Protein backbone atom coordinates (compact mmCIF):
# COMPACT_ATOMS: atom_id res chain seq x y z
CA UNK A 1 11.10 -0.60 -14.65
CA UNK A 2 9.91 -1.10 -11.51
CA UNK A 3 10.43 -4.59 -9.62
CA UNK A 4 10.08 -4.34 -6.08
CA UNK A 5 7.08 -3.27 -3.92
CA UNK A 6 7.21 -2.49 -0.30
CA UNK A 7 3.99 -3.58 2.22
CA UNK A 8 4.98 -2.15 4.83
CA UNK A 9 2.84 -5.05 7.51
CA UNK A 10 4.13 -4.21 10.66
CA UNK A 11 1.69 -2.02 12.68
CA UNK A 12 -1.04 -3.24 15.22
CA UNK A 13 -4.11 -2.36 13.84
CA UNK A 14 -5.11 -1.28 16.83
CA UNK A 15 -9.53 -0.73 15.51
CA UNK A 16 -9.71 -4.12 14.72
CA UNK A 17 -9.15 -5.99 18.16
CA UNK A 18 -8.95 -8.51 19.33
CA UNK A 19 -9.15 -10.14 16.41
CA UNK A 20 -5.89 -8.29 15.56
CA UNK A 21 -4.56 -10.15 18.88
CA UNK A 22 -3.09 -12.90 17.15
CA UNK A 23 -3.91 -12.17 13.40
CA UNK A 24 -2.21 -9.58 11.31
CA UNK A 25 -4.59 -6.86 10.31
CA UNK A 26 -3.38 -7.57 6.74
CA UNK A 27 -4.39 -11.26 6.98
CA UNK A 28 -8.15 -10.34 7.41
CA UNK A 29 -9.94 -11.41 4.68
CA UNK A 30 -11.86 -9.62 2.22
CA UNK A 31 -13.92 -12.72 1.28
CA UNK A 32 -11.44 -15.79 0.36
CA UNK A 33 -8.94 -13.86 0.06
CA UNK A 34 -6.68 -11.82 2.78
CA UNK A 35 -6.19 -7.56 2.61
CA UNK A 36 -1.58 -8.24 1.72
CA UNK A 37 -2.47 -10.76 -1.44
CA UNK A 38 -4.99 -7.95 -2.88
CA UNK A 39 -2.12 -5.80 -2.74
CA UNK A 40 0.35 -8.57 -3.89
CA UNK A 41 -1.68 -9.17 -7.32
CA UNK A 42 -1.89 -5.76 -7.68
CA UNK A 43 1.51 -5.15 -8.00
CA UNK A 44 2.13 -8.30 -9.95
CA UNK A 45 -0.71 -6.60 -12.27
CA UNK A 46 1.83 -3.70 -12.90
CA UNK A 47 4.89 -5.60 -13.90
CA UNK A 48 6.71 -6.17 -10.70
CA UNK A 49 7.74 -9.37 -9.01
CA UNK A 50 9.57 -9.11 -5.93
CA UNK A 51 7.29 -8.34 -3.38
CA UNK A 52 9.31 -6.61 0.11
CA UNK A 53 7.71 -7.23 2.72
CA UNK A 54 8.59 -5.34 6.47
CA UNK A 55 6.79 -7.14 9.71
CA UNK A 56 7.05 -6.97 13.11
CA UNK A 57 6.43 -10.01 15.99
CA UNK A 58 3.15 -12.54 15.48
CA UNK A 59 3.34 -11.24 12.52
CA UNK A 60 4.24 -15.43 10.61
CA UNK A 61 0.25 -15.60 9.15
CA UNK A 62 2.09 -13.83 6.77
CA UNK A 63 4.77 -15.61 5.72
CA UNK A 64 2.77 -19.05 5.95
CA UNK A 65 0.37 -17.56 3.27
CA UNK A 66 2.89 -16.98 0.63
CA UNK A 67 4.17 -20.51 0.80
CA UNK A 68 3.33 -23.97 -0.17
CA UNK A 69 1.42 -26.13 2.30
CA UNK A 70 2.13 -29.44 1.68
CA UNK A 71 0.09 -31.07 4.08
CA UNK A 72 -2.79 -29.25 2.91
CA UNK A 73 -1.75 -29.39 -0.81
CA UNK A 74 -1.75 -33.77 0.43
CA UNK A 75 -4.72 -33.74 2.22
CA UNK A 76 -7.27 -31.72 -0.91
CA UNK A 77 -5.34 -33.27 -4.14
CA UNK A 78 -7.82 -34.30 -6.22
CA UNK A 79 -10.24 -33.01 -4.36
CA UNK A 80 -12.98 -30.40 -5.55
CA UNK A 81 -11.47 -27.74 -3.47
CA UNK A 82 -8.07 -28.36 -5.42
CA UNK A 83 -9.33 -25.68 -7.69
CA UNK A 84 -9.36 -22.40 -4.45
CA UNK A 85 -5.83 -22.54 -4.58
CA UNK A 86 -4.69 -21.99 -8.01
CA UNK A 87 -4.11 -17.96 -7.69
CA UNK A 88 -2.54 -17.97 -3.94
CA UNK A 89 -0.21 -20.98 -6.02
CA UNK A 90 0.53 -18.81 -9.17
CA UNK A 91 1.60 -15.64 -6.87
CA UNK A 92 4.37 -18.27 -5.45
CA UNK A 93 5.23 -19.31 -8.71
CA UNK A 94 5.38 -15.75 -9.86
CA UNK A 95 6.47 -13.85 -7.24
CA UNK A 96 10.05 -13.60 -5.18
CA UNK A 97 8.69 -12.79 -1.19
CA UNK A 98 11.78 -11.75 1.17
CA UNK A 99 11.36 -9.77 4.89
CA UNK A 100 12.36 -8.27 7.63
CA UNK A 101 10.79 -6.39 10.67
CA UNK A 102 10.38 -3.53 11.95
CA UNK A 103 11.29 -3.96 15.40
CA UNK A 104 10.10 -1.16 17.16
CA UNK A 105 6.78 0.88 15.37
CA UNK A 106 8.01 4.91 14.54
CA UNK A 107 6.22 5.70 10.94
CA UNK A 108 5.48 4.77 8.42
CA UNK A 109 9.17 6.69 6.96
CA UNK A 110 11.05 4.01 8.96
CA UNK A 111 9.10 1.47 8.24
CA UNK A 112 9.66 2.28 4.20
CA UNK A 113 13.90 3.28 5.36
CA UNK A 114 14.05 -0.55 6.98
CA UNK A 115 13.09 -1.59 3.25
CA UNK A 116 16.01 0.01 2.69
CA UNK A 117 17.89 -3.99 2.87
CA UNK A 118 15.18 -4.99 0.75
CA UNK A 119 14.63 -2.90 -1.86
CA UNK A 120 18.57 -1.70 -2.77
CA UNK A 121 18.86 1.18 -5.21
CA UNK A 122 16.43 1.19 -7.93
CA UNK A 123 12.90 2.75 -7.97
CA UNK A 124 10.45 0.45 -6.29
CA UNK A 125 6.62 0.78 -5.20
CA UNK A 126 5.01 0.92 -1.55
CA UNK A 127 1.73 -0.59 -1.10
CA UNK A 128 -0.39 -0.08 1.99
CA UNK A 129 -1.96 -3.61 1.99
CA UNK A 130 -5.18 -1.90 4.65
CA UNK A 131 -6.21 0.53 1.41
CA UNK A 132 -7.52 -1.54 -0.76
CA UNK A 133 -7.74 -0.63 -4.74
CA UNK A 134 -10.49 -1.56 -6.98
CA UNK A 135 -10.88 -0.51 -11.11
CA UNK A 136 -12.97 -2.65 -12.36
CA UNK A 137 -13.23 -0.86 -15.68
CA UNK A 138 -9.66 -0.90 -16.44
CA UNK A 139 -5.71 -1.30 -15.19
CA UNK A 140 -4.76 -1.51 -11.06
CA UNK A 141 -3.68 2.08 -8.93
CA UNK A 142 -0.49 0.88 -9.14
CA UNK A 143 -0.11 -0.05 -13.39
CA UNK A 144 -1.83 3.97 -14.05
CA UNK A 145 1.45 5.09 -11.57
CA UNK A 146 3.80 2.77 -12.99
CA UNK A 147 2.76 4.91 -16.64
CA UNK A 148 3.33 8.30 -15.10
CA UNK A 149 7.26 7.05 -13.56
CA UNK A 150 7.36 6.24 -16.69
CA UNK A 151 6.83 10.25 -18.45
CA UNK A 152 8.40 11.78 -15.63
CA UNK A 153 10.75 10.01 -13.36
CA UNK A 154 10.12 10.75 -10.16
CA UNK A 155 8.21 10.09 -6.20
CA UNK A 156 4.40 10.11 -7.11
CA UNK A 157 1.65 9.72 -4.67
CA UNK A 158 -1.83 8.07 -4.84
CA UNK A 159 -4.58 10.97 -4.12
CA UNK A 160 -8.21 11.63 -3.36
CA UNK A 161 -10.68 13.56 -3.14
CA UNK A 162 -11.71 13.91 0.93
CA UNK A 163 -14.73 16.27 2.20
CA UNK A 164 -12.38 18.72 4.58
CA UNK A 165 -13.59 17.15 7.45
CA UNK A 166 -11.55 14.17 7.21
CA UNK A 167 -8.11 15.74 6.56
CA UNK A 168 -6.86 14.96 9.69
CA UNK A 169 -6.71 11.49 8.91
CA UNK A 170 -4.67 11.77 6.19
CA UNK A 171 -1.68 13.41 4.86
CA UNK A 172 -2.61 16.26 2.40
CA UNK A 173 -1.17 17.95 -0.22
CA UNK A 174 -1.35 20.98 -2.48
CA UNK A 175 -0.10 21.55 -5.59
CA UNK A 176 -0.78 22.75 -9.34
CA UNK A 177 -2.08 20.77 -11.83
CA UNK A 178 0.44 20.28 -14.43
CA UNK A 179 -1.98 17.35 -16.95
CA UNK A 180 -5.56 16.20 -15.95
CA UNK A 181 -5.26 14.19 -12.33
CA UNK A 182 -1.79 15.52 -12.49
CA UNK A 183 -0.37 17.81 -9.83
CA UNK A 184 3.29 19.29 -9.17
CA UNK A 185 3.43 18.57 -5.13
CA UNK A 186 4.58 22.18 -3.86
CA UNK A 187 3.33 21.58 0.21
CA UNK A 188 2.35 18.62 2.36
CA UNK A 189 1.13 18.54 5.12
CA UNK A 190 0.82 15.26 7.66
CA UNK A 191 -3.27 14.44 9.28
CA UNK A 192 -3.71 18.68 9.42
CA UNK A 193 -7.01 20.25 10.65
CA UNK A 194 -9.48 21.22 8.44
CA UNK A 195 -8.86 25.20 9.03
CA UNK A 196 -5.15 24.42 8.22
CA UNK A 197 -5.91 22.29 5.38
CA UNK A 198 -3.62 23.14 1.84
CA UNK A 199 -6.79 21.45 0.31
CA UNK A 200 -8.83 18.19 0.64
CA UNK A 201 -6.87 16.27 -1.42
CA UNK A 202 -5.60 13.34 0.53
CA UNK A 203 -2.88 10.54 -0.39
CA UNK A 204 -3.74 6.95 0.25
CA UNK A 205 -1.77 3.99 1.05
CA UNK A 206 0.17 4.22 -3.01
CA UNK A 207 3.73 5.14 -3.70
CA UNK A 208 5.98 4.96 -6.75
CA UNK A 209 9.69 6.14 -4.53
CA UNK A 210 13.00 6.96 -6.32
CA UNK A 211 15.90 5.60 -4.11
CA UNK A 212 16.82 8.63 -3.02
CA UNK A 213 14.14 8.60 -0.65
CA UNK A 214 16.44 6.36 1.73
CA UNK A 215 18.16 9.34 2.12
CA UNK A 216 16.06 11.61 2.58
CA UNK A 217 14.39 9.60 5.50
CA UNK A 218 17.44 9.44 7.07
CA UNK A 219 17.65 13.41 7.01
CA UNK A 220 14.26 14.09 7.70
CA UNK A 221 12.93 14.80 11.46
CA UNK A 222 10.05 12.89 13.39
CA UNK A 223 7.18 14.61 12.85
CA UNK A 224 3.37 13.76 13.76
CA UNK A 225 3.22 12.44 17.59
CA UNK A 226 6.78 11.68 17.43
CA UNK A 227 7.09 9.14 13.98
CA UNK A 228 8.72 9.22 11.12
CA UNK A 229 6.12 10.87 8.44
CA UNK A 230 6.63 9.67 5.06
CA UNK A 231 4.95 12.83 4.18
CA UNK A 232 7.01 14.75 5.75
CA UNK A 233 10.26 13.15 3.80
CA UNK A 234 8.77 13.14 0.49
CA UNK A 235 8.42 17.47 1.25
CA UNK A 236 11.69 17.44 1.57
CA UNK A 237 12.61 15.77 -2.02
CA UNK A 238 9.78 17.84 -3.56
CA UNK A 239 11.75 21.20 -2.32
CA UNK A 240 14.68 19.65 -3.72
CA UNK A 241 13.42 18.23 -6.99
CA UNK A 242 9.66 17.01 -8.51
CA UNK A 243 6.92 14.52 -6.45
CA UNK A 244 3.63 14.40 -8.35
CA UNK A 245 0.62 13.29 -6.74
CA UNK A 246 -2.11 11.80 -9.15
CA UNK A 247 -5.10 11.08 -8.91
CA UNK A 248 -6.68 8.09 -9.60
CA UNK A 249 -8.60 5.94 -11.83
CA UNK A 250 -11.18 2.99 -9.42
CA UNK A 251 -12.18 2.76 -5.79
CA UNK A 252 -10.61 2.97 -2.69
CA UNK A 253 -11.86 1.10 1.03
CA UNK A 254 -9.88 1.95 3.82
CA UNK A 255 -10.24 -1.98 5.40
CA UNK A 256 -8.58 -0.04 8.49
CA UNK A 257 -11.31 1.29 9.45
CA UNK A 258 -14.34 -1.15 10.25
CA UNK A 259 -16.66 0.64 7.70
CA UNK A 260 -14.61 0.64 5.39
CA UNK A 261 -13.81 -3.13 5.16
CA UNK A 262 -17.45 -4.33 5.60
CA UNK A 263 -17.76 -1.42 2.70
CA UNK A 264 -14.76 -3.25 0.75
CA UNK A 265 -16.04 -6.56 1.84
CA UNK A 266 -20.20 -6.17 -0.05
CA UNK A 267 -19.11 -4.18 -2.89
CA UNK A 268 -16.50 -7.82 -3.59
CA UNK A 269 -19.62 -9.60 -3.14
CA UNK A 270 -21.93 -7.72 -5.66
CA UNK A 271 -18.99 -7.76 -8.18
CA UNK A 272 -18.25 -11.22 -7.80
CA UNK A 273 -22.26 -12.08 -7.90
CA UNK A 274 -22.92 -9.95 -10.56
CA UNK A 275 -20.10 -11.60 -13.16
CA UNK A 276 -21.43 -15.47 -12.33
């Protein structure tokens, strides 16, 4: 079983400056919960209980969020506000949170490699918290991917169709569909220009990775922008074995952009109002 989920959370969040000057982008709220809490809840739903978080300077608010605030608990104990802490209390009780730092921003591949000490030698999930995924009519994206991992026992990336003109924003895959929504990857390109993109199937921030990915990342040379790209490492892994892409069920919001953040807020607000 996959029990650990890695959260790369060391980035600067420059698209949300100036608010991210002093506040981690992973702590930006969607309604009353920070982005990273949605990701942790998705991981718990998928059966994971150990959250390995890669942080950086100025990210202490993440650690504080997943900890007890004794003064706050004391102040609202017995009041009408106490129930508002129920969800986060439950998460803290169900999970172990571990942390290490990415001292220098060298790409997502490097951030995942920094997690080796926290993950060890076992398969694990990766969640990019600013990709908010919601499947209101069924299982979360990680739950869907874990079932697929149980069947194929290999690394898996979540994908979605994007307009061809937007491929430059994503890692893009090429592959053969082996069952509905599941592709065996033959090629992966990091942020290709539309004319160079092998398809319009873009990788989003959900991965299931086998533990051999760490050695593959070590052997991968820096790619686009001089960064260590997880896309390049997974392409190297695909050449040695099998890497799958899964077109997930649900909605994905790019909360690393202002437009996506506002869209996600409105979507969840409407859902909450409709459920009352």
